[in-house]
Amino acid sequence: MAEDDYDTFVDWNQMGDQAKSSSPTKVDCKDLREFKQMARQGYWAKNHKLRAQVYQQLIKTIPCRTVTPDAEVYRDLMGSAATKMPSSNIPLPEFVDGAPVPRYCLKADAVGSVHRIINCLAGQFPDISYCPSLPAVTSLLLHFSANEAQCFEHVSRILACNEPGKRLLDQTFLAYESSCMTFGDLANKYCAPAHKLIVATAQDVLEVYSDWQRWVLGDLPFSHMVRVLDVFMVEGYKILYRVAIALLKFYRKHKATGATAGQGNQQQDSAKVRSDIQAFIKGITSVVTPDKLLEKAFSIRLLSRKEITLLQLTNEKSLQQKGITVKQKRKNVQLALNPETFSSEIVSTKEMREIWSWIPERFALCQPQLLFTTSTHGCSLNRFYSHCEGYEPTLLLIRTTDGDVCGAFLSTDWEERKRGGNKLSFFGTGECFVFRLKPEMERYEWVVIRHPELASAVKSQGHEDTGASEGQNSDSNSLQQPDKLSGELSPFLSARHFNLNSKNTSMFMAGNFDSIIIGGGEGNALYIDSELNHGRTGRCTTFDNPPLCAESFQVSLLEVWGFQDTIAS
């Protein structure tokens, strides 16, 4: 590697422990897996020059577009202007959306270098329309660059990455906004207690989560950020999600143990919650070490690049269907549940808001639309189907004669039941969940989310007929699990999808002429008869839930809600 001087832009007085260089002094490694292990362990973390050389090596291996601007392009464009232009007086392009340049440990005048580099990048990448993370990434890489031209080349290669399935930085508003929705989905799934805290304290949850990239690329102190950057250079985009989820977990712990814990359920303006999270992350050095942060990030089980990619694509598609492809003022999601227009005989507006916080983010811009209610449409399963078919997803709410309230989020159109013919066959996806509201609010997700090891319980056969779960009629003694279709994407996003043990984990929803069933395997989470009058509930393997109310109950009222897209309309 070239013997470059990598401290041109660094203020060593600000570097702290990072200023101390110690062994090792070189990395003899070509294998990406070995690089991954070394990055996670911080092999080059204590040697500034070595880290710079490793970054240079890794960036050179990024597959890029055929024509990607390099250092020579920067020198040709800037000439001697790079030494004559005023520092930070050069305005940043609009696509950074007002994001400031974090100084980290740069010299004061080096901030002007970041401005020059970004403006030159804007001219070379006219297709970038929204990239608020670019100032932070450019500032970070300048710490490990010998000159502005080298930093320009490094950032250019990151922006020009064209490896299929790999993304490094969002460069459009559509990609960025869908990443915020995807983060909300992942937070809801992988750190439910922290998500619950945000729901309880912020008026607009999505507004809080819109900062998730800034938490990592902007708010994290330099000592923590460079350790994240070590891994990001090797593993890519998914590390940003992992670290942001870890930060949310630590924030929740901080709020639970801090002096303000007693105010946890007091709802505030979302801007105050955002500022509170930002202040915690900026001061995280006093409570969490960089290694502890990464340890927490990598302890999140089951989270994979594939799941992130599929959620991102699904959320992008949802935004495109709503016409949201450029930056615009987003509706306050909580206001979609307007108490003046929302009316349910089973739940209050406050309770519906809580339920709304559990649903996948791509439906968060929708408002509830009443599709069916027994008080208006009568107690008929046929009418239930006729009013609910064609809608996906739906929300089922039940109030019993004892006053208990429970229900289910159902990801798939009830019309799918017809594919099983006369047999009662299960369908649905891993986004389904069941819940109860009283005596206390509790959600029960797909068991595989909490126990990832069940995902490996694969049957060697194509599919097996399963015995009837408890509560099903004797003439439906064979519940059929549909065959796995080729080309399906994900157990979370597809209706008949994956090769899991059907007896254990994949029995989400089923229906025929005489009953509807939610959850299966050793029982049903919910079973409702054809008159929508009597029901049963018990533990089922799919959701690993306790009975949601009295095990045998009479239905007082049943409602089904759809998701009305107010943006598209």
Foldseek 3Di string as FASTA:
>chain_A
DDPFDLAPFFQLVLCVQLNAADDDPEDDDDDLVVLLVCLLVCRRSRHLQRLLVVLLVLLVPFDFDPDFDALVVLCVVCPCVLVVDQAPPQDADCQLVPQQQAQQGTDPRCNRLLRSLRVVVCVVCVVQRHFVLSSLQLNLSSSSDRDSRHSSRSVRSLVGRDDPLAHATDRFPLLLLLLLLLLLLCLCQQVVLLLLLLLLAEQFSSVLSSCLLCLQRPLAHPQLNVSLVSNCSSPHDVSSSLLSSLLSNVVSVCCCPDPNVVCSRHYDYNVVVSVSSSVCNNVVVVPAGSSRSSVSSVVRPPDDSLVSVVSSVVLSVLCVLLVNGHDDDADRLLCLLPQVPDDDPQDHSVVVSSVLSNARSSLSLFHKDWQDKCVPQNQALVSVLVSQAPFAWKKKWFAFPVGWIKTKTFGDGQVVQCVVPQAWEAWGAQSIWIWTPPPHTDIFGFVCSVVVVQLPQFDPDQFDWDADAPPDDPVNGTHGQDGADPPARDRHRGTRHDGGHVLAANRAWTDDQFWIFGAAHNHTQWIATRRSFKIAGAAHRRRRDGRNDHRITTTPMMIMIGTHNPSND
